[in-house]
Amino acid sequence: MELDPATRAKFDAVLARVKEPVSELSLAELNLVSKIRYSPKEKALVVRLEGRPVGHECPACSAMNGQILVTIERTLKEELQKEFPGFTVEYE
């Protein structure tokens, strides 16, 4: 299903607004969000983030990357809920 232009604009605005905290580049610039499932009937959004850490990182890098990811997820959820009040936001 193709999104209507107003809904797409809301998603684009959120992805442009939310910054990765280390580089301060937007999620749109970094292509960190690979998919958002939009379900208006269920009032739900499901987000797939790219760039999750893979296996063999040093413990310090893993902890730092984990904290960055938590920050991105929290900020993205807050911004999506501003644009889509009453919607739940989950990550896959």
PDB file of N, CA and C in Angstrom:
ATOM      1  N   MET A   1       0.830  -1.171   0.000  1.00  0.00           N
ATOM      2  CA  MET A   1       0.000   0.000   0.000  1.00  0.00           C
ATOM      3  C   MET A   1       0.882   1.245   0.000  1.00  0.00           C
ATOM      4  N   GLU A   2       0.613   2.134  -0.895  1.00  0.00           N
ATOM      5  CA  GLU A   2       1.365   3.385  -1.001  1.00  0.00           C
ATOM      6  C   GLU A   2       0.858   4.384   0.037  1.00  0.00           C
ATOM      7  N   LEU A   3       1.787   5.043   0.703  1.00  0.00           N
ATOM      8  CA  LEU A   3       1.406   6.048   1.698  1.00  0.00           C
ATOM      9  C   LEU A   3       0.935   7.322   1.017  1.00  0.00           C
ATOM     10  N   ASP A   4      -0.017   7.987   1.653  1.00  0.00           N
ATOM     11  CA  ASP A   4      -0.430   9.281   1.119  1.00  0.00           C
ATOM     12  C   ASP A   4       0.693  10.289   1.388  1.00  0.00           C
ATOM     13  N   PRO A   5       0.777  11.353   0.579  1.00  0.00           N
ATOM     14  CA  PRO A   5       1.880  12.311   0.700  1.00  0.00           C
ATOM     15  C   PRO A   5       2.006  12.950   2.091  1.00  0.00           C
ATOM     16  N   ALA A   6       0.900  13.221   2.760  1.00  0.00           N
ATOM     17  CA  ALA A   6       0.963  13.853   4.085  1.00  0.00           C
ATOM     18  C   ALA A   6       1.612  12.921   5.110  1.00  0.00           C
ATOM     19  N   THR A   7       1.269  11.638   5.056  1.00  0.00           N
ATOM     20  CA  THR A   7       1.851  10.668   5.987  1.00  0.00           C
ATOM     21  C   THR A   7       3.328  10.475   5.694  1.00  0.00           C
ATOM     22  N   ARG A   8       3.674  10.358   4.418  1.00  0.00           N
ATOM     23  CA  ARG A   8       5.084  10.215   4.033  1.00  0.00           C
ATOM     24  C   ARG A   8       5.886  11.424   4.507  1.00  0.00           C
ATOM     25  N   ALA A   9       5.309  12.614   4.369  1.00  0.00           N
ATOM     26  CA  ALA A   9       5.996  13.835   4.804  1.00  0.00           C
ATOM     27  C   ALA A   9       6.259  13.811   6.309  1.00  0.00           C
ATOM     28  N   LYS A  10       5.323  13.274   7.079  1.00  0.00           N
ATOM     29  CA  LYS A  10       5.525  13.164   8.526  1.00  0.00           C
ATOM     30  C   LYS A  10       6.703  12.241   8.842  1.00  0.00           C
ATOM     31  N   PHE A  11       6.751  11.082   8.182  1.00  0.00           N
ATOM     32  CA  PHE A  11       7.867  10.160   8.404  1.00  0.00           C
ATOM     33  C   PHE A  11       9.188  10.805   7.987  1.00  0.00           C
ATOM     34  N   ASP A  12       9.203  11.444   6.831  1.00  0.00           N
ATOM     35  CA  ASP A  12      10.426  12.097   6.352  1.00  0.00           C
ATOM     36  C   ASP A  12      10.894  13.176   7.322  1.00  0.00           C
ATOM     37  N   ALA A  13       9.948  13.944   7.869  1.00  0.00           N
ATOM     38  CA  ALA A  13      10.299  15.008   8.812  1.00  0.00           C
ATOM     39  C   ALA A  13      10.916  14.432  10.084  1.00  0.00           C
ATOM     40  N   VAL A  14      10.341  13.353  10.585  1.00  0.00           N
ATOM     41  CA  VAL A  14      10.879  12.722  11.794  1.00  0.00           C
ATOM     42  C   VAL A  14      12.286  12.206  11.529  1.00  0.00           C
ATOM     43  N   LEU A  15      12.493  11.515  10.415  1.00  0.00           N
ATOM     44  CA  LEU A  15      13.812  10.948  10.116  1.00  0.00           C
ATOM     45  C   LEU A  15      14.853  12.033   9.875  1.00  0.00           C
ATOM     46  N   ALA A  16      14.427  13.194   9.421  1.00  0.00           N
ATOM     47  CA  ALA A  16      15.344  14.323   9.242  1.00  0.00           C
ATOM     48  C   ALA A  16      15.656  15.004  10.575  1.00  0.00           C
ATOM     49  N   ARG A  17      14.723  14.953  11.511  1.00  0.00           N
ATOM     50  CA  ARG A  17      14.865  15.622  12.807  1.00  0.00           C
ATOM     51  C   ARG A  17      15.702  14.834  13.810  1.00  0.00           C
ATOM     52  N   VAL A  18      15.554  13.526  13.801  1.00  0.00           N
ATOM     53  CA  VAL A  18      16.239  12.695  14.799  1.00  0.00           C
ATOM     54  C   VAL A  18      17.694  12.505  14.380  1.00  0.00           C
ATOM     55  N   LYS A  19      18.595  12.818  15.313  1.00  0.00           N
ATOM     56  CA  LYS A  19      20.033  12.756  15.037  1.00  0.00           C
ATOM     57  C   LYS A  19      20.683  11.581  15.757  1.00  0.00           C
ATOM     58  N   GLU A  20      21.658  10.996  15.110  1.00  0.00           N
ATOM     59  CA  GLU A  20      22.518  10.008  15.751  1.00  0.00           C
ATOM     60  C   GLU A  20      23.432  10.817  16.669  1.00  0.00           C
ATOM     61  N   PRO A  21      23.523  10.490  17.959  1.00  0.00           N
ATOM     62  CA  PRO A  21      24.166  11.392  18.914  1.00  0.00           C
ATOM     63  C   PRO A  21      25.675  11.589  18.755  1.00  0.00           C
ATOM     64  N   VAL A  22      26.380  10.673  18.135  1.00  0.00           N
ATOM     65  CA  VAL A  22      27.828  10.823  17.997  1.00  0.00           C
ATOM     66  C   VAL A  22      28.169  11.692  16.787  1.00  0.00           C
ATOM     67  N   SER A  23      27.629  11.351  15.635  1.00  0.00           N
ATOM     68  CA  SER A  23      27.941  12.095  14.408  1.00  0.00           C
ATOM     69  C   SER A  23      27.084  13.343  14.249  1.00  0.00           C
ATOM     70  N   GLU A  24      25.942  13.371  14.942  1.00  0.00           N
ATOM     71  CA  GLU A  24      24.949  14.435  14.826  1.00  0.00           C
ATOM     72  C   GLU A  24      24.354  14.535  13.417  1.00  0.00           C
ATOM     73  N   LEU A  25      24.440  13.444  12.662  1.00  0.00           N
ATOM     74  CA  LEU A  25      23.764  13.355  11.371  1.00  0.00           C
ATOM     75  C   LEU A  25      22.381  12.765  11.600  1.00  0.00           C
ATOM     76  N   SER A  26      21.454  13.117  10.721  1.00  0.00           N
ATOM     77  CA  SER A  26      20.084  12.617  10.882  1.00  0.00           C
ATOM     78  C   SER A  26      19.996  11.141  10.502  1.00  0.00           C
ATOM     79  N   LEU A  27      18.944  10.501  11.001  1.00  0.00           N
ATOM     80  CA  LEU A  27      18.711   9.102  10.627  1.00  0.00           C
ATOM     81  C   LEU A  27      18.497   8.985   9.127  1.00  0.00           C
ATOM     82  N   ALA A  28      17.898  10.009   8.516  1.00  0.00           N
ATOM     83  CA  ALA A  28      17.703  10.002   7.060  1.00  0.00           C
ATOM     84  C   ALA A  28      19.049  10.029   6.343  1.00  0.00           C
ATOM     85  N   GLU A  29      19.961  10.877   6.812  1.00  0.00           N
ATOM     86  CA  GLU A  29      21.280  10.974   6.180  1.00  0.00           C
ATOM     87  C   GLU A  29      22.072   9.681   6.324  1.00  0.00           C
ATOM     88  N   LEU A  30      21.897   9.008   7.442  1.00  0.00           N
ATOM     89  CA  LEU A  30      22.648   7.782   7.714  1.00  0.00           C
ATOM     90  C   LEU A  30      21.949   6.517   7.226  1.00  0.00           C
ATOM     91  N   ASN A  31      20.717   6.658   6.734  1.00  0.00           N
ATOM     92  CA  ASN A  31      19.934   5.488   6.296  1.00  0.00           C
ATOM     93  C   ASN A  31      19.832   4.424   7.389  1.00  0.00           C
ATOM     94  N   LEU A  32      19.603   4.854   8.624  1.00  0.00           N
ATOM     95  CA  LEU A  32      19.532   3.907   9.732  1.00  0.00           C
ATOM     96  C   LEU A  32      18.178   3.233   9.872  1.00  0.00           C
ATOM     97  N   VAL A  33      17.148   3.802   9.279  1.00  0.00           N
ATOM     98  CA  VAL A  33      15.821   3.185   9.336  1.00  0.00           C
ATOM     99  C   VAL A  33      15.557   2.536   7.982  1.00  0.00           C
ATOM    100  N   SER A  34      15.438   1.212   7.984  1.00  0.00           N
ATOM    101  CA  SER A  34      15.233   0.514   6.714  1.00  0.00           C
ATOM    102  C   SER A  34      13.758   0.295   6.398  1.00  0.00           C
ATOM    103  N   LYS A  35      12.908   0.349   7.449  1.00  0.00           N
ATOM    104  CA  LYS A  35      11.489   0.097   7.197  1.00  0.00           C
ATOM    105  C   LYS A  35      10.665   0.619   8.362  1.00  0.00           C
ATOM    106  N   ILE A  36       9.502   1.179   8.032  1.00  0.00           N
ATOM    107  CA  ILE A  36       8.506   1.527   9.041  1.00  0.00           C
ATOM    108  C   ILE A  36       7.183   0.943   8.570  1.00  0.00           C
ATOM    109  N   ARG A  37       6.621   0.049   9.378  1.00  0.00           N
ATOM    110  CA  ARG A  37       5.280  -0.480   9.077  1.00  0.00           C
ATOM    111  C   ARG A  37       4.264   0.426   9.752  1.00  0.00           C
ATOM    112  N   TYR A  38       3.319   0.907   8.958  1.00  0.00           N
ATOM    113  CA  TYR A  38       2.319   1.866   9.420  1.00  0.00           C
ATOM    114  C   TYR A  38       0.965   1.192   9.385  1.00  0.00           C
ATOM    115  N   SER A  39       0.327   1.092  10.548  1.00  0.00           N
ATOM    116  CA  SER A  39      -0.972   0.439  10.637  1.00  0.00           C
ATOM    117  C   SER A  39      -1.958   1.381  11.327  1.00  0.00           C
ATOM    118  N   PRO A  40      -2.670   2.199  10.528  1.00  0.00           N
ATOM    119  CA  PRO A  40      -3.586   3.168  11.135  1.00  0.00           C
ATOM    120  C   PRO A  40      -4.740   2.525  11.897  1.00  0.00           C
ATOM    121  N   LYS A  41      -5.211   1.364  11.445  1.00  0.00           N
ATOM    122  CA  LYS A  41      -6.319   0.699  12.149  1.00  0.00           C
ATOM    123  C   LYS A  41      -5.916   0.294  13.561  1.00  0.00           C
ATOM    124  N   GLU A  42      -4.722  -0.272  13.694  1.00  0.00           N
ATOM    125  CA  GLU A  42      -4.225  -0.702  15.001  1.00  0.00           C
ATOM    126  C   GLU A  42      -3.520   0.426  15.748  1.00  0.00           C
ATOM    127  N   LYS A  43      -3.347   1.566  15.077  1.00  0.00           N
ATOM    128  CA  LYS A  43      -2.597   2.699  15.640  1.00  0.00           C
ATOM    129  C   LYS A  43      -1.222   2.220  16.110  1.00  0.00           C
ATOM    130  N   ALA A  44      -0.498   1.599  15.171  1.00  0.00           N
ATOM    131  CA  ALA A  44       0.798   1.019  15.504  1.00  0.00           C
ATOM    132  C   ALA A  44       1.828   1.330  14.424  1.00  0.00           C
ATOM    133  N   LEU A  45       3.061   1.535  14.882  1.00  0.00           N
ATOM    134  CA  LEU A  45       4.212   1.688  14.005  1.00  0.00           C
ATOM    135  C   LEU A  45       5.250   0.660  14.438  1.00  0.00           C
ATOM    136  N   VAL A  46       5.833  -0.031  13.470  1.00  0.00           N
ATOM    137  CA  VAL A  46       6.915  -0.972  13.758  1.00  0.00           C
ATOM    138  C   VAL A  46       8.110  -0.535  12.923  1.00  0.00           C
ATOM    139  N   VAL A  47       9.230  -0.295  13.597  1.00  0.00           N
ATOM    140  CA  VAL A  47      10.412   0.285  12.965  1.00  0.00           C
ATOM    141  C   VAL A  47      11.526  -0.751  12.906  1.00  0.00           C
ATOM    142  N   ARG A  48      12.189  -0.820  11.759  1.00  0.00           N
ATOM    143  CA  ARG A  48      13.385  -1.664  11.626  1.00  0.00           C
ATOM    144  C   ARG A  48      14.592  -0.743  11.454  1.00  0.00           C
ATOM    145  N   LEU A  49      15.524  -0.851  12.394  1.00  0.00           N
ATOM    146  CA  LEU A  49      16.761  -0.075  12.330  1.00  0.00           C
ATOM    147  C   LEU A  49      17.874  -0.924  11.744  1.00  0.00           C
ATOM    148  N   GLU A  50      18.707  -0.294  10.939  1.00  0.00           N
ATOM    149  CA  GLU A  50      19.912  -0.952  10.422  1.00  0.00           C
ATOM    150  C   GLU A  50      21.082  -0.565  11.314  1.00  0.00           C
ATOM    151  N   GLY A  51      22.177  -1.258  11.148  1.00  0.00           N
ATOM    152  CA  GLY A  51      23.387  -0.892  11.867  1.00  0.00           C
ATOM    153  C   GLY A  51      23.457  -1.415  13.282  1.00  0.00           C
ATOM    154  N   ARG A  52      22.659  -2.422  13.589  1.00  0.00           N
ATOM    155  CA  ARG A  52      22.772  -3.031  14.918  1.00  0.00           C
ATOM    156  C   ARG A  52      24.128  -3.735  15.003  1.00  0.00           C
ATOM    157  N   PRO A  53      24.736  -3.701  16.175  1.00  0.00           N
ATOM    158  CA  PRO A  53      26.052  -4.332  16.324  1.00  0.00           C
ATOM    159  C   PRO A  53      26.000  -5.828  16.008  1.00  0.00           C
ATOM    160  N   VAL A  54      27.056  -6.288  15.402  1.00  0.00           N
ATOM    161  CA  VAL A  54      27.159  -7.716  15.103  1.00  0.00           C
ATOM    162  C   VAL A  54      28.232  -8.339  15.987  1.00  0.00           C
ATOM    163  N   GLY A  55      27.901  -9.437  16.555  1.00  0.00           N
ATOM    164  CA  GLY A  55      28.750 -10.283  17.352  1.00  0.00           C
ATOM    165  C   GLY A  55      30.031  -9.789  17.976  1.00  0.00           C
ATOM    166  N   HIS A  56      31.117  -9.859  17.326  1.00  0.00           N
ATOM    167  CA  HIS A  56      32.450  -9.861  17.915  1.00  0.00           C
ATOM    168  C   HIS A  56      33.018  -8.466  18.153  1.00  0.00           C
ATOM    169  N   GLU A  57      32.328  -7.663  18.938  1.00  0.00           N
ATOM    170  CA  GLU A  57      32.838  -6.348  19.300  1.00  0.00           C
ATOM    171  C   GLU A  57      33.556  -6.448  20.639  1.00  0.00           C
ATOM    172  N   CYS A  58      34.472  -5.509  20.864  1.00  0.00           N
ATOM    173  CA  CYS A  58      35.088  -5.452  22.190  1.00  0.00           C
ATOM    174  C   CYS A  58      34.015  -5.020  23.189  1.00  0.00           C
ATOM    175  N   PRO A  59      34.155  -5.379  24.446  1.00  0.00           N
ATOM    176  CA  PRO A  59      33.119  -5.050  25.435  1.00  0.00           C
ATOM    177  C   PRO A  59      32.819  -3.552  25.534  1.00  0.00           C
ATOM    178  N   ALA A  60      33.845  -2.714  25.475  1.00  0.00           N
ATOM    179  CA  ALA A  60      33.616  -1.265  25.577  1.00  0.00           C
ATOM    180  C   ALA A  60      32.844  -0.749  24.369  1.00  0.00           C
ATOM    181  N   CYS A  61      33.218  -1.216  23.178  1.00  0.00           N
ATOM    182  CA  CYS A  61      32.511  -0.796  21.957  1.00  0.00           C
ATOM    183  C   CYS A  61      31.065  -1.260  21.995  1.00  0.00           C
ATOM    184  N   SER A  62      30.864  -2.469  22.448  1.00  0.00           N
ATOM    185  CA  SER A  62      29.515  -3.017  22.528  1.00  0.00           C
ATOM    186  C   SER A  62      28.647  -2.193  23.475  1.00  0.00           C
ATOM    187  N   ALA A  63      29.195  -1.823  24.630  1.00  0.00           N
ATOM    188  CA  ALA A  63      28.440  -1.020  25.595  1.00  0.00           C
ATOM    189  C   ALA A  63      28.118   0.352  25.026  1.00  0.00           C
ATOM    190  N   MET A  64      29.104   0.981  24.383  1.00  0.00           N
ATOM    191  CA  MET A  64      28.893   2.310  23.811  1.00  0.00           C
ATOM    192  C   MET A  64      27.865   2.253  22.684  1.00  0.00           C
ATOM    193  N   ASN A  65      28.002   1.287  21.792  1.00  0.00           N
ATOM    194  CA  ASN A  65      27.050   1.154  20.683  1.00  0.00           C
ATOM    195  C   ASN A  65      25.651   0.843  21.190  1.00  0.00           C
ATOM    196  N   GLY A  66      25.570   0.036  22.233  1.00  0.00           N
ATOM    197  CA  GLY A  66      24.269  -0.269  22.821  1.00  0.00           C
ATOM    198  C   GLY A  66      23.602   0.975  23.380  1.00  0.00           C
ATOM    199  N   GLN A  67      24.377   1.830  24.049  1.00  0.00           N
ATOM    200  CA  GLN A  67      23.824   3.063  24.612  1.00  0.00           C
ATOM    201  C   GLN A  67      23.386   4.018  23.506  1.00  0.00           C
ATOM    202  N   ILE A  68      24.155   4.102  22.434  1.00  0.00           N
ATOM    203  CA  ILE A  68      23.783   4.952  21.297  1.00  0.00           C
ATOM    204  C   ILE A  68      22.476   4.462  20.699  1.00  0.00           C
ATOM    205  N   LEU A  69      22.346   3.159  20.535  1.00  0.00           N
ATOM    206  CA  LEU A  69      21.125   2.583  19.970  1.00  0.00           C
ATOM    207  C   LEU A  69      19.915   2.860  20.862  1.00  0.00           C
ATOM    208  N   VAL A  70      20.080   2.731  22.171  1.00  0.00           N
ATOM    209  CA  VAL A  70      18.986   3.019  23.107  1.00  0.00           C
ATOM    210  C   VAL A  70      18.555   4.479  22.972  1.00  0.00           C
ATOM    211  N   THR A  71      19.523   5.376  22.854  1.00  0.00           N
ATOM    212  CA  THR A  71      19.217   6.801  22.705  1.00  0.00           C
ATOM    213  C   THR A  71      18.464   7.063  21.408  1.00  0.00           C
ATOM    214  N   ILE A  72      18.913   6.468  20.312  1.00  0.00           N
ATOM    215  CA  ILE A  72      18.239   6.638  19.020  1.00  0.00           C
ATOM    216  C   ILE A  72      16.810   6.111  19.106  1.00  0.00           C
ATOM    217  N   GLU A  73      16.638   4.920  19.652  1.00  0.00           N
ATOM    218  CA  GLU A  73      15.295   4.331  19.749  1.00  0.00           C
ATOM    219  C   GLU A  73      14.364   5.197  20.595  1.00  0.00           C
ATOM    220  N   ARG A  74      14.862   5.697  21.711  1.00  0.00           N
ATOM    221  CA  ARG A  74      14.034   6.530  22.590  1.00  0.00           C
ATOM    222  C   ARG A  74      13.627   7.830  21.886  1.00  0.00           C
ATOM    223  N   THR A  75      14.594   8.501  21.270  1.00  0.00           N
ATOM    224  CA  THR A  75      14.316   9.770  20.599  1.00  0.00           C
ATOM    225  C   THR A  75      13.391   9.569  19.411  1.00  0.00           C
ATOM    226  N   LEU A  76      13.631   8.527  18.629  1.00  0.00           N
ATOM    227  CA  LEU A  76      12.783   8.248  17.472  1.00  0.00           C
ATOM    228  C   LEU A  76      11.355   7.953  17.916  1.00  0.00           C
ATOM    229  N   LYS A  77      11.203   7.175  18.964  1.00  0.00           N
ATOM    230  CA  LYS A  77       9.863   6.865  19.480  1.00  0.00           C
ATOM    231  C   LYS A  77       9.143   8.140  19.912  1.00  0.00           C
ATOM    232  N   GLU A  78       9.834   9.009  20.641  1.00  0.00           N
ATOM    233  CA  GLU A  78       9.230  10.274  21.089  1.00  0.00           C
ATOM    234  C   GLU A  78       8.769  11.117  19.904  1.00  0.00           C
ATOM    235  N   GLU A  79       9.617  11.225  18.889  1.00  0.00           N
ATOM    236  CA  GLU A  79       9.287  12.059  17.728  1.00  0.00           C
ATOM    237  C   GLU A  79       8.159  11.452  16.896  1.00  0.00           C
ATOM    238  N   LEU A  80       8.158  10.133  16.746  1.00  0.00           N
ATOM    239  CA  LEU A  80       7.061   9.489  16.014  1.00  0.00           C
ATOM    240  C   LEU A  80       5.737   9.682  16.749  1.00  0.00           C
ATOM    241  N   GLN A  81       5.771   9.592  18.065  1.00  0.00           N
ATOM    242  CA  GLN A  81       4.532   9.758  18.826  1.00  0.00           C
ATOM    243  C   GLN A  81       4.038  11.205  18.819  1.00  0.00           C
ATOM    244  N   LYS A  82       4.929  12.162  18.604  1.00  0.00           N
ATOM    245  CA  LYS A  82       4.493  13.554  18.419  1.00  0.00           C
ATOM    246  C   LYS A  82       3.724  13.694  17.111  1.00  0.00           C
ATOM    247  N   GLU A  83       4.223  13.047  16.054  1.00  0.00           N
ATOM    248  CA  GLU A  83       3.586  13.128  14.732  1.00  0.00           C
ATOM    249  C   GLU A  83       2.357  12.237  14.630  1.00  0.00           C
ATOM    250  N   PHE A  84       2.357  11.140  15.381  1.00  0.00           N
ATOM    251  CA  PHE A  84       1.262  10.165  15.332  1.00  0.00           C
ATOM    252  C   PHE A  84       0.758   9.914  16.759  1.00  0.00           C
ATOM    253  N   PRO A  85       0.045  10.888  17.342  1.00  0.00           N
ATOM    254  CA  PRO A  85      -0.434  10.741  18.723  1.00  0.00           C
ATOM    255  C   PRO A  85      -1.326   9.507  18.879  1.00  0.00           C
ATOM    256  N   GLY A  86      -1.124   8.799  19.983  1.00  0.00           N
ATOM    257  CA  GLY A  86      -1.932   7.618  20.266  1.00  0.00           C
ATOM    258  C   GLY A  86      -1.411   6.340  19.633  1.00  0.00           C
ATOM    259  N   PHE A  87      -0.394   6.430  18.775  1.00  0.00           N
ATOM    260  CA  PHE A  87       0.190   5.248  18.136  1.00  0.00           C
ATOM    261  C   PHE A  87       1.224   4.615  19.067  1.00  0.00           C
ATOM    262  N   THR A  88       1.310   3.291  19.031  1.00  0.00           N
ATOM    263  CA  THR A  88       2.402   2.596  19.701  1.00  0.00           C
ATOM    264  C   THR A  88       3.570   2.520  18.722  1.00  0.00           C
ATOM    265  N   VAL A  89       4.776   2.471  19.264  1.00  0.00           N
ATOM    266  CA  VAL A  89       5.981   2.343  18.443  1.00  0.00           C
ATOM    267  C   VAL A  89       6.769   1.168  18.988  1.00  0.00           C
ATOM    268  N   GLU A  90       7.066   0.214  18.105  1.00  0.00           N
ATOM    269  CA  GLU A  90       7.859  -0.954  18.480  1.00  0.00           C
ATOM    270  C   GLU A  90       9.020  -1.088  17.508  1.00  0.00           C
ATOM    271  N   TYR A  91      10.038  -1.833  17.927  1.00  0.00           N
ATOM    272  CA  TYR A  91      11.204  -2.097  17.080  1.00  0.00           C
ATOM    273  C   TYR A  91      11.293  -3.589  16.811  1.00  0.00           C
ATOM    274  N   GLU A  92      11.700  -3.910  15.595  1.00  0.00           N
ATOM    275  CA  GLU A  92      11.893  -5.328  15.257  1.00  0.00           C
ATOM    276  C   GLU A  92      13.350  -5.589  15.008  1.00  0.00           C
TER     277      GLU A  92
END
